[in-house]
N, C-alpha and C. Protein backbone atom coordinates (compact mmCIF):
# COMPACT_ATOMS: atom_id res chain seq x y z
N MET A 1 0.86 -1.17 0.00
CA MET A 1 0.00 0.00 0.00
C MET A 1 0.90 1.23 0.00
N LYS A 2 0.47 2.19 -0.77
CA LYS A 2 1.20 3.46 -0.87
C LYS A 2 0.34 4.58 -0.29
N LEU A 3 1.02 5.60 0.17
CA LEU A 3 0.37 6.81 0.64
C LEU A 3 0.72 7.90 -0.36
N ASN A 4 -0.29 8.51 -0.94
CA ASN A 4 -0.08 9.60 -1.89
C ASN A 4 -0.41 10.89 -1.18
N VAL A 5 0.60 11.78 -1.08
CA VAL A 5 0.41 13.08 -0.45
C VAL A 5 0.77 14.13 -1.48
N ASP A 6 -0.22 14.90 -1.89
CA ASP A 6 -0.02 15.95 -2.89
C ASP A 6 0.70 15.43 -4.13
N GLY A 7 0.32 14.23 -4.58
CA GLY A 7 0.87 13.68 -5.82
C GLY A 7 2.17 12.91 -5.67
N VAL A 8 2.73 12.86 -4.47
CA VAL A 8 3.96 12.11 -4.23
C VAL A 8 3.61 10.83 -3.49
N GLU A 9 4.08 9.68 -4.00
CA GLU A 9 3.76 8.39 -3.37
C GLU A 9 4.87 7.95 -2.44
N TYR A 10 4.45 7.41 -1.29
CA TYR A 10 5.36 6.89 -0.28
C TYR A 10 4.92 5.46 0.05
N ASP A 11 5.88 4.58 0.25
CA ASP A 11 5.55 3.21 0.65
C ASP A 11 5.25 3.23 2.15
N ILE A 12 4.05 2.80 2.50
CA ILE A 12 3.61 2.89 3.90
C ILE A 12 4.44 2.00 4.81
N ASN A 13 4.61 0.74 4.43
CA ASN A 13 5.36 -0.18 5.30
C ASN A 13 6.79 0.28 5.47
N GLU A 14 7.42 0.69 4.38
CA GLU A 14 8.80 1.17 4.45
C GLU A 14 8.90 2.41 5.33
N SER A 15 7.90 3.26 5.25
CA SER A 15 7.90 4.49 6.05
C SER A 15 7.85 4.19 7.54
N MET A 16 7.08 3.17 7.93
CA MET A 16 6.97 2.85 9.35
C MET A 16 8.10 1.96 9.82
N GLU A 17 8.42 0.92 9.04
CA GLU A 17 9.47 -0.01 9.44
C GLU A 17 10.86 0.64 9.40
N GLY A 18 11.05 1.57 8.49
CA GLY A 18 12.35 2.20 8.34
C GLY A 18 12.48 3.56 9.01
N ALA A 19 11.51 3.89 9.84
CA ALA A 19 11.54 5.20 10.50
C ALA A 19 12.72 5.32 11.45
N ALA A 20 13.29 6.50 11.49
CA ALA A 20 14.39 6.78 12.41
C ALA A 20 13.85 6.80 13.85
N LEU A 21 14.65 6.34 14.78
CA LEU A 21 14.22 6.31 16.18
C LEU A 21 13.84 7.69 16.67
N GLY A 22 14.59 8.68 16.27
CA GLY A 22 14.28 10.06 16.68
C GLY A 22 12.94 10.53 16.15
N ASP A 23 12.63 10.13 14.91
CA ASP A 23 11.34 10.51 14.33
C ASP A 23 10.20 9.83 15.08
N LEU A 24 10.38 8.56 15.44
CA LEU A 24 9.36 7.84 16.20
C LEU A 24 9.13 8.50 17.56
N MET A 25 10.22 8.86 18.23
CA MET A 25 10.10 9.50 19.55
C MET A 25 9.48 10.89 19.43
N ASN A 26 9.91 11.64 18.42
CA ASN A 26 9.36 12.98 18.21
C ASN A 26 7.86 12.92 17.94
N LEU A 27 7.44 11.96 17.12
CA LEU A 27 6.02 11.80 16.81
C LEU A 27 5.24 11.50 18.09
N LYS A 28 5.74 10.60 18.90
CA LYS A 28 5.05 10.24 20.13
C LYS A 28 4.95 11.44 21.08
N ILE A 29 6.05 12.15 21.25
CA ILE A 29 6.06 13.29 22.17
C ILE A 29 5.18 14.43 21.67
N LYS A 30 5.25 14.74 20.39
CA LYS A 30 4.51 15.89 19.84
C LYS A 30 3.00 15.63 19.72
N THR A 31 2.59 14.38 19.82
CA THR A 31 1.16 14.08 19.71
C THR A 31 0.52 13.71 21.05
N ARG A 32 1.27 13.78 22.12
CA ARG A 32 0.71 13.51 23.45
C ARG A 32 -0.28 14.60 23.83
N ARG A 33 -1.30 14.18 24.60
CA ARG A 33 -2.26 15.14 25.13
C ARG A 33 -2.56 14.78 26.57
N PRO A 34 -2.59 15.78 27.44
CA PRO A 34 -2.92 15.48 28.85
C PRO A 34 -4.42 15.23 29.01
N GLU A 35 -4.76 14.61 30.11
CA GLU A 35 -6.17 14.38 30.44
C GLU A 35 -6.82 15.71 30.76
N ASP A 36 -8.05 15.86 30.34
CA ASP A 36 -8.84 17.05 30.67
C ASP A 36 -10.14 16.54 31.29
N LYS A 37 -10.17 16.50 32.63
CA LYS A 37 -11.34 15.95 33.32
C LYS A 37 -12.59 16.78 33.09
N GLU A 38 -12.43 18.09 33.00
CA GLU A 38 -13.57 18.97 32.80
C GLU A 38 -14.24 18.69 31.44
N MET A 39 -13.44 18.47 30.42
CA MET A 39 -13.96 18.19 29.07
C MET A 39 -14.15 16.69 28.83
N GLU A 40 -13.81 15.88 29.83
CA GLU A 40 -13.90 14.42 29.74
C GLU A 40 -13.06 13.86 28.60
N ILE A 41 -11.86 14.41 28.45
CA ILE A 41 -10.93 13.96 27.43
C ILE A 41 -9.84 13.13 28.12
N PRO A 42 -9.72 11.85 27.74
CA PRO A 42 -8.71 11.02 28.40
C PRO A 42 -7.29 11.39 27.94
N LYS A 43 -6.34 11.04 28.75
CA LYS A 43 -4.94 11.26 28.43
C LYS A 43 -4.58 10.41 27.21
N PHE A 44 -3.81 10.98 26.29
CA PHE A 44 -3.35 10.25 25.10
C PHE A 44 -1.83 10.28 25.13
N LEU A 45 -1.21 9.09 25.06
CA LEU A 45 0.24 8.98 25.20
C LEU A 45 1.01 9.25 23.92
N GLY A 46 0.32 9.45 22.81
CA GLY A 46 0.99 9.80 21.57
C GLY A 46 0.88 8.72 20.50
N VAL A 47 1.13 9.14 19.27
CA VAL A 47 1.04 8.25 18.12
C VAL A 47 2.28 7.38 18.02
N THR A 48 2.06 6.08 17.85
CA THR A 48 3.13 5.11 17.65
C THR A 48 2.77 4.25 16.44
N VAL A 49 3.72 3.47 15.95
CA VAL A 49 3.44 2.58 14.82
C VAL A 49 2.34 1.57 15.18
N PRO A 50 2.35 0.95 16.36
CA PRO A 50 1.24 0.06 16.70
C PRO A 50 -0.11 0.78 16.73
N PHE A 51 -0.13 2.03 17.19
CA PHE A 51 -1.37 2.82 17.19
C PHE A 51 -1.87 3.00 15.76
N ILE A 52 -0.97 3.37 14.84
CA ILE A 52 -1.36 3.56 13.44
C ILE A 52 -1.92 2.27 12.86
N ARG A 53 -1.24 1.15 13.11
CA ARG A 53 -1.72 -0.15 12.62
C ARG A 53 -3.10 -0.46 13.14
N ASP A 54 -3.32 -0.24 14.45
CA ASP A 54 -4.62 -0.53 15.06
C ASP A 54 -5.73 0.32 14.46
N VAL A 55 -5.46 1.59 14.25
CA VAL A 55 -6.47 2.49 13.68
C VAL A 55 -6.86 2.03 12.28
N PHE A 56 -5.88 1.65 11.47
CA PHE A 56 -6.20 1.23 10.11
C PHE A 56 -6.84 -0.16 10.07
N ARG A 57 -6.50 -1.00 11.02
CA ARG A 57 -7.17 -2.30 11.12
C ARG A 57 -8.65 -2.07 11.47
N ASP A 58 -8.90 -1.18 12.43
CA ASP A 58 -10.28 -0.85 12.80
C ASP A 58 -11.03 -0.22 11.63
N LEU A 59 -10.36 0.65 10.90
CA LEU A 59 -10.98 1.28 9.73
C LEU A 59 -11.35 0.23 8.69
N GLY A 60 -10.46 -0.70 8.45
CA GLY A 60 -10.75 -1.78 7.51
C GLY A 60 -11.96 -2.58 7.92
N ASP A 61 -12.06 -2.87 9.22
CA ASP A 61 -13.23 -3.60 9.73
C ASP A 61 -14.51 -2.80 9.51
N ARG A 62 -14.44 -1.49 9.75
CA ARG A 62 -15.63 -0.64 9.57
C ARG A 62 -16.06 -0.60 8.11
N VAL A 63 -15.09 -0.50 7.20
CA VAL A 63 -15.39 -0.46 5.77
C VAL A 63 -16.02 -1.77 5.32
N LEU A 64 -15.42 -2.89 5.75
CA LEU A 64 -15.95 -4.19 5.36
C LEU A 64 -17.34 -4.44 5.93
N THR A 65 -17.57 -4.03 7.17
CA THR A 65 -18.88 -4.19 7.79
C THR A 65 -19.92 -3.39 7.03
N ALA A 66 -19.59 -2.15 6.68
CA ALA A 66 -20.52 -1.31 5.93
C ALA A 66 -20.83 -1.92 4.57
N ALA A 67 -19.80 -2.45 3.91
CA ALA A 67 -20.00 -3.08 2.60
C ALA A 67 -20.89 -4.32 2.72
N ALA A 68 -20.67 -5.11 3.76
CA ALA A 68 -21.48 -6.31 3.97
C ALA A 68 -22.94 -5.95 4.26
N GLU A 69 -23.15 -4.92 5.08
CA GLU A 69 -24.50 -4.48 5.40
C GLU A 69 -25.21 -3.96 4.15
N GLU A 70 -24.49 -3.25 3.32
CA GLU A 70 -25.06 -2.73 2.09
C GLU A 70 -25.42 -3.88 1.13
N GLU A 71 -24.54 -4.87 1.04
CA GLU A 71 -24.80 -6.02 0.18
C GLU A 71 -26.02 -6.81 0.68
N GLU A 72 -26.13 -6.98 2.00
CA GLU A 72 -27.27 -7.70 2.58
C GLU A 72 -28.58 -6.95 2.31
N ALA A 73 -28.54 -5.63 2.41
CA ALA A 73 -29.73 -4.82 2.13
C ALA A 73 -30.14 -4.96 0.66
N GLU A 74 -29.17 -5.01 -0.23
CA GLU A 74 -29.47 -5.19 -1.66
C GLU A 74 -30.13 -6.55 -1.91
N LYS A 75 -29.63 -7.58 -1.24
CA LYS A 75 -30.21 -8.92 -1.39
C LYS A 75 -31.66 -8.94 -0.89
N LEU A 76 -31.90 -8.29 0.24
CA LEU A 76 -33.26 -8.23 0.78
C LEU A 76 -34.19 -7.47 -0.18
N ALA A 77 -33.69 -6.39 -0.75
CA ALA A 77 -34.49 -5.60 -1.69
C ALA A 77 -34.81 -6.43 -2.93
N GLU A 78 -33.83 -7.19 -3.42
CA GLU A 78 -34.04 -8.04 -4.59
C GLU A 78 -35.04 -9.15 -4.28
N ALA A 79 -35.08 -9.60 -3.03
CA ALA A 79 -36.00 -10.66 -2.62
C ALA A 79 -37.40 -10.12 -2.33
N GLY A 80 -37.57 -8.80 -2.45
CA GLY A 80 -38.89 -8.21 -2.24
C GLY A 80 -39.17 -7.73 -0.83
N THR A 81 -38.16 -7.75 0.04
CA THR A 81 -38.33 -7.25 1.41
C THR A 81 -37.30 -6.17 1.70
N PRO A 82 -37.43 -5.01 1.05
CA PRO A 82 -36.44 -3.95 1.25
C PRO A 82 -36.50 -3.39 2.67
N LEU A 83 -35.35 -2.95 3.14
CA LEU A 83 -35.28 -2.31 4.45
C LEU A 83 -35.87 -0.90 4.36
N GLU A 84 -36.45 -0.46 5.46
CA GLU A 84 -37.05 0.88 5.48
C GLU A 84 -35.96 1.95 5.33
N ASN A 85 -34.84 1.76 6.02
CA ASN A 85 -33.71 2.68 5.93
C ASN A 85 -32.46 1.88 5.56
N PRO A 86 -32.26 1.61 4.26
CA PRO A 86 -31.10 0.79 3.87
C PRO A 86 -29.78 1.51 4.15
N PRO A 87 -28.75 0.75 4.51
CA PRO A 87 -27.45 1.37 4.75
C PRO A 87 -26.88 1.93 3.45
N GLU A 88 -26.10 2.96 3.56
CA GLU A 88 -25.56 3.63 2.37
C GLU A 88 -24.08 3.36 2.18
N GLY A 89 -23.54 2.39 2.88
CA GLY A 89 -22.11 2.12 2.75
C GLY A 89 -21.30 3.02 3.67
N PHE A 90 -20.00 2.90 3.57
CA PHE A 90 -19.12 3.67 4.44
C PHE A 90 -18.91 5.06 3.88
N ASP A 91 -19.10 6.07 4.70
CA ASP A 91 -18.91 7.46 4.30
C ASP A 91 -17.56 7.93 4.85
N TYR A 92 -16.60 8.10 3.95
CA TYR A 92 -15.26 8.49 4.37
C TYR A 92 -15.22 9.88 5.00
N VAL A 93 -16.23 10.69 4.76
CA VAL A 93 -16.27 12.02 5.36
C VAL A 93 -16.39 11.92 6.88
N GLU A 94 -16.98 10.81 7.38
CA GLU A 94 -17.09 10.66 8.83
C GLU A 94 -15.71 10.59 9.50
N LEU A 95 -14.69 10.26 8.72
CA LEU A 95 -13.33 10.21 9.27
C LEU A 95 -12.83 11.58 9.70
N LEU A 96 -13.42 12.63 9.14
CA LEU A 96 -13.02 13.99 9.51
C LEU A 96 -13.30 14.30 10.97
N GLY A 97 -14.20 13.53 11.58
CA GLY A 97 -14.51 13.72 13.00
C GLY A 97 -13.92 12.64 13.89
N ASP A 98 -13.12 11.76 13.32
CA ASP A 98 -12.54 10.64 14.06
C ASP A 98 -11.12 11.02 14.51
N GLU A 99 -11.01 11.37 15.78
CA GLU A 99 -9.73 11.84 16.31
C GLU A 99 -8.62 10.81 16.16
N ARG A 100 -8.94 9.54 16.39
CA ARG A 100 -7.92 8.49 16.26
C ARG A 100 -7.41 8.41 14.82
N PHE A 101 -8.33 8.48 13.85
CA PHE A 101 -7.94 8.44 12.44
C PHE A 101 -7.07 9.65 12.10
N LEU A 102 -7.47 10.82 12.54
CA LEU A 102 -6.70 12.03 12.24
C LEU A 102 -5.30 11.97 12.85
N ASP A 103 -5.20 11.46 14.07
CA ASP A 103 -3.89 11.28 14.70
C ASP A 103 -3.04 10.29 13.89
N ALA A 104 -3.65 9.18 13.49
CA ALA A 104 -2.92 8.15 12.73
C ALA A 104 -2.46 8.69 11.38
N MET A 105 -3.32 9.42 10.70
CA MET A 105 -2.94 9.99 9.40
C MET A 105 -1.82 11.01 9.56
N THR A 106 -1.90 11.82 10.59
CA THR A 106 -0.82 12.78 10.85
C THR A 106 0.49 12.04 11.04
N GLY A 107 0.46 10.97 11.84
CA GLY A 107 1.66 10.18 12.08
C GLY A 107 2.18 9.54 10.81
N LEU A 108 1.29 9.01 10.01
CA LEU A 108 1.68 8.34 8.77
C LEU A 108 2.29 9.33 7.78
N VAL A 109 1.67 10.48 7.63
CA VAL A 109 2.21 11.51 6.74
C VAL A 109 3.58 11.96 7.23
N TYR A 110 3.70 12.18 8.53
CA TYR A 110 4.98 12.61 9.10
C TYR A 110 6.08 11.58 8.86
N LEU A 111 5.80 10.32 9.20
CA LEU A 111 6.82 9.27 9.04
C LEU A 111 7.19 9.05 7.57
N ALA A 112 6.19 9.08 6.70
CA ALA A 112 6.45 8.87 5.27
C ALA A 112 7.33 9.98 4.70
N ARG A 113 6.98 11.20 5.01
CA ARG A 113 7.76 12.32 4.46
C ARG A 113 9.14 12.41 5.09
N ARG A 114 9.26 12.10 6.36
CA ARG A 114 10.59 12.10 7.02
C ARG A 114 11.47 11.02 6.41
N LYS A 115 10.90 9.82 6.20
CA LYS A 115 11.66 8.71 5.62
C LYS A 115 12.15 9.08 4.22
N ALA A 116 11.36 9.88 3.50
CA ALA A 116 11.73 10.31 2.15
C ALA A 116 12.74 11.46 2.17
N GLY A 117 13.09 11.94 3.36
CA GLY A 117 14.09 12.99 3.46
C GLY A 117 13.55 14.39 3.60
N ASP A 118 12.23 14.53 3.67
CA ASP A 118 11.64 15.86 3.85
C ASP A 118 11.93 16.37 5.26
N ASN A 119 12.24 17.63 5.37
CA ASN A 119 12.53 18.24 6.66
C ASN A 119 11.26 18.90 7.18
N ILE A 120 10.36 18.07 7.74
CA ILE A 120 9.09 18.59 8.25
C ILE A 120 8.96 18.25 9.73
N GLU A 121 8.05 18.95 10.36
CA GLU A 121 7.71 18.70 11.76
C GLU A 121 6.33 18.04 11.82
N VAL A 122 5.98 17.51 12.96
CA VAL A 122 4.66 16.87 13.14
C VAL A 122 3.56 17.88 12.84
N ALA A 123 3.74 19.13 13.25
CA ALA A 123 2.72 20.15 13.00
C ALA A 123 2.52 20.37 11.50
N ASP A 124 3.58 20.25 10.71
CA ASP A 124 3.45 20.38 9.25
C ASP A 124 2.60 19.24 8.70
N ALA A 125 2.83 18.03 9.19
CA ALA A 125 2.05 16.87 8.75
C ALA A 125 0.58 17.05 9.14
N ALA A 126 0.34 17.63 10.31
CA ALA A 126 -1.03 17.84 10.78
C ALA A 126 -1.77 18.87 9.92
N ARG A 127 -1.06 19.73 9.24
CA ARG A 127 -1.69 20.74 8.38
C ARG A 127 -1.98 20.21 6.97
N THR A 128 -1.64 18.95 6.70
CA THR A 128 -1.90 18.37 5.39
C THR A 128 -3.41 18.26 5.18
N GLY A 129 -3.88 18.71 4.04
CA GLY A 129 -5.31 18.68 3.74
C GLY A 129 -5.84 17.26 3.57
N PHE A 130 -7.04 17.01 4.05
CA PHE A 130 -7.66 15.68 3.95
C PHE A 130 -7.73 15.23 2.49
N ASN A 131 -8.07 16.13 1.60
CA ASN A 131 -8.17 15.79 0.18
C ASN A 131 -6.81 15.66 -0.50
N SER A 132 -5.75 15.99 0.20
CA SER A 132 -4.40 15.88 -0.36
C SER A 132 -3.80 14.50 -0.14
N VAL A 133 -4.50 13.65 0.63
CA VAL A 133 -3.97 12.35 1.02
C VAL A 133 -4.86 11.25 0.44
N GLN A 134 -4.21 10.25 -0.16
CA GLN A 134 -4.93 9.09 -0.69
C GLN A 134 -4.15 7.83 -0.36
N MET A 135 -4.89 6.74 -0.14
CA MET A 135 -4.28 5.43 -0.01
C MET A 135 -4.34 4.79 -1.39
N VAL A 136 -3.20 4.30 -1.87
CA VAL A 136 -3.13 3.71 -3.20
C VAL A 136 -2.70 2.26 -3.06
N PRO A 137 -3.55 1.31 -3.52
CA PRO A 137 -3.16 -0.10 -3.41
C PRO A 137 -2.00 -0.42 -4.34
N ASP A 138 -1.15 -1.35 -3.90
CA ASP A 138 -0.09 -1.84 -4.77
C ASP A 138 -0.73 -2.60 -5.92
N GLU A 139 -0.02 -2.73 -7.01
CA GLU A 139 -0.56 -3.42 -8.19
C GLU A 139 -1.02 -4.83 -7.86
N ASP A 140 -0.28 -5.54 -7.00
CA ASP A 140 -0.66 -6.92 -6.68
C ASP A 140 -1.88 -7.00 -5.76
N GLU A 141 -2.29 -5.86 -5.19
CA GLU A 141 -3.48 -5.83 -4.33
C GLU A 141 -4.75 -5.57 -5.13
N VAL A 142 -4.61 -5.14 -6.38
CA VAL A 142 -5.77 -4.84 -7.20
C VAL A 142 -6.35 -6.15 -7.72
N GLU A 143 -7.64 -6.37 -7.49
CA GLU A 143 -8.31 -7.62 -7.88
C GLU A 143 -8.66 -7.58 -9.36
N ALA A 144 -8.57 -8.73 -10.02
CA ALA A 144 -8.94 -8.84 -11.43
C ALA A 144 -10.44 -8.71 -11.63
N ASP A 145 -11.25 -9.32 -10.73
CA ASP A 145 -12.69 -9.26 -10.83
C ASP A 145 -13.26 -8.62 -9.57
N PRO A 146 -13.62 -7.33 -9.62
CA PRO A 146 -14.10 -6.65 -8.41
C PRO A 146 -15.42 -7.18 -7.90
N LYS A 147 -16.16 -7.98 -8.68
CA LYS A 147 -17.44 -8.53 -8.22
C LYS A 147 -17.25 -9.55 -7.11
N ASP A 148 -16.06 -10.16 -7.02
CA ASP A 148 -15.80 -11.18 -6.01
C ASP A 148 -15.51 -10.60 -4.64
N GLU A 149 -15.20 -9.33 -4.58
CA GLU A 149 -14.80 -8.69 -3.33
C GLU A 149 -15.71 -7.52 -3.02
N PRO A 150 -15.71 -7.04 -1.77
CA PRO A 150 -16.48 -5.84 -1.45
C PRO A 150 -15.98 -4.67 -2.31
N ALA A 151 -16.85 -3.70 -2.52
CA ALA A 151 -16.51 -2.55 -3.37
C ALA A 151 -15.33 -1.76 -2.82
N VAL A 152 -15.12 -1.78 -1.51
CA VAL A 152 -14.03 -1.02 -0.91
C VAL A 152 -13.18 -1.96 -0.09
N GLU A 153 -11.90 -1.97 -0.34
CA GLU A 153 -10.99 -2.82 0.41
C GLU A 153 -10.37 -2.00 1.54
N PRO A 154 -10.17 -2.59 2.69
CA PRO A 154 -9.50 -1.86 3.78
C PRO A 154 -8.03 -1.70 3.47
N PRO A 155 -7.42 -0.62 3.93
CA PRO A 155 -5.99 -0.47 3.71
C PRO A 155 -5.23 -1.54 4.52
N GLU A 156 -4.27 -2.19 3.91
CA GLU A 156 -3.48 -3.22 4.57
C GLU A 156 -2.16 -2.59 4.98
N ILE A 157 -1.99 -2.39 6.26
CA ILE A 157 -0.78 -1.77 6.76
C ILE A 157 -0.07 -2.78 7.65
N LEU A 158 1.13 -3.09 7.28
CA LEU A 158 1.97 -4.06 7.99
C LEU A 158 1.22 -5.29 8.15
């Protein structure tokens, strides 16, 4: 899987596996947040490679679940028993409100660009536009017959 940021592609696995120790520590430190009891915000210890993997694994599960629910609703409709409110599939715009996803994407952009030699800070990665980032499957991940698989595949990271 590749990460495309403003038209430049980065290998995701290479970016995380080959990250410099200092970059990993900087990412963790710069993304920490203290607990805020008044706002009911739990303490966050910072973005790590395992955190990024977990977020994308969860995202993949959400995408597949939405695709399966949509497929089941289509089957029911074809059988003459349509759902009153059929699911509409996974809406990627909902990720704009997902703090874990935004933290993971910031970390991924930061590590990818640092691995490529860009001299950026975590704050620079956090300013990357949502529409400037795309996940691009490797050629061997592209299926020959898309009818055999769900319409949307989860990103495979590590």
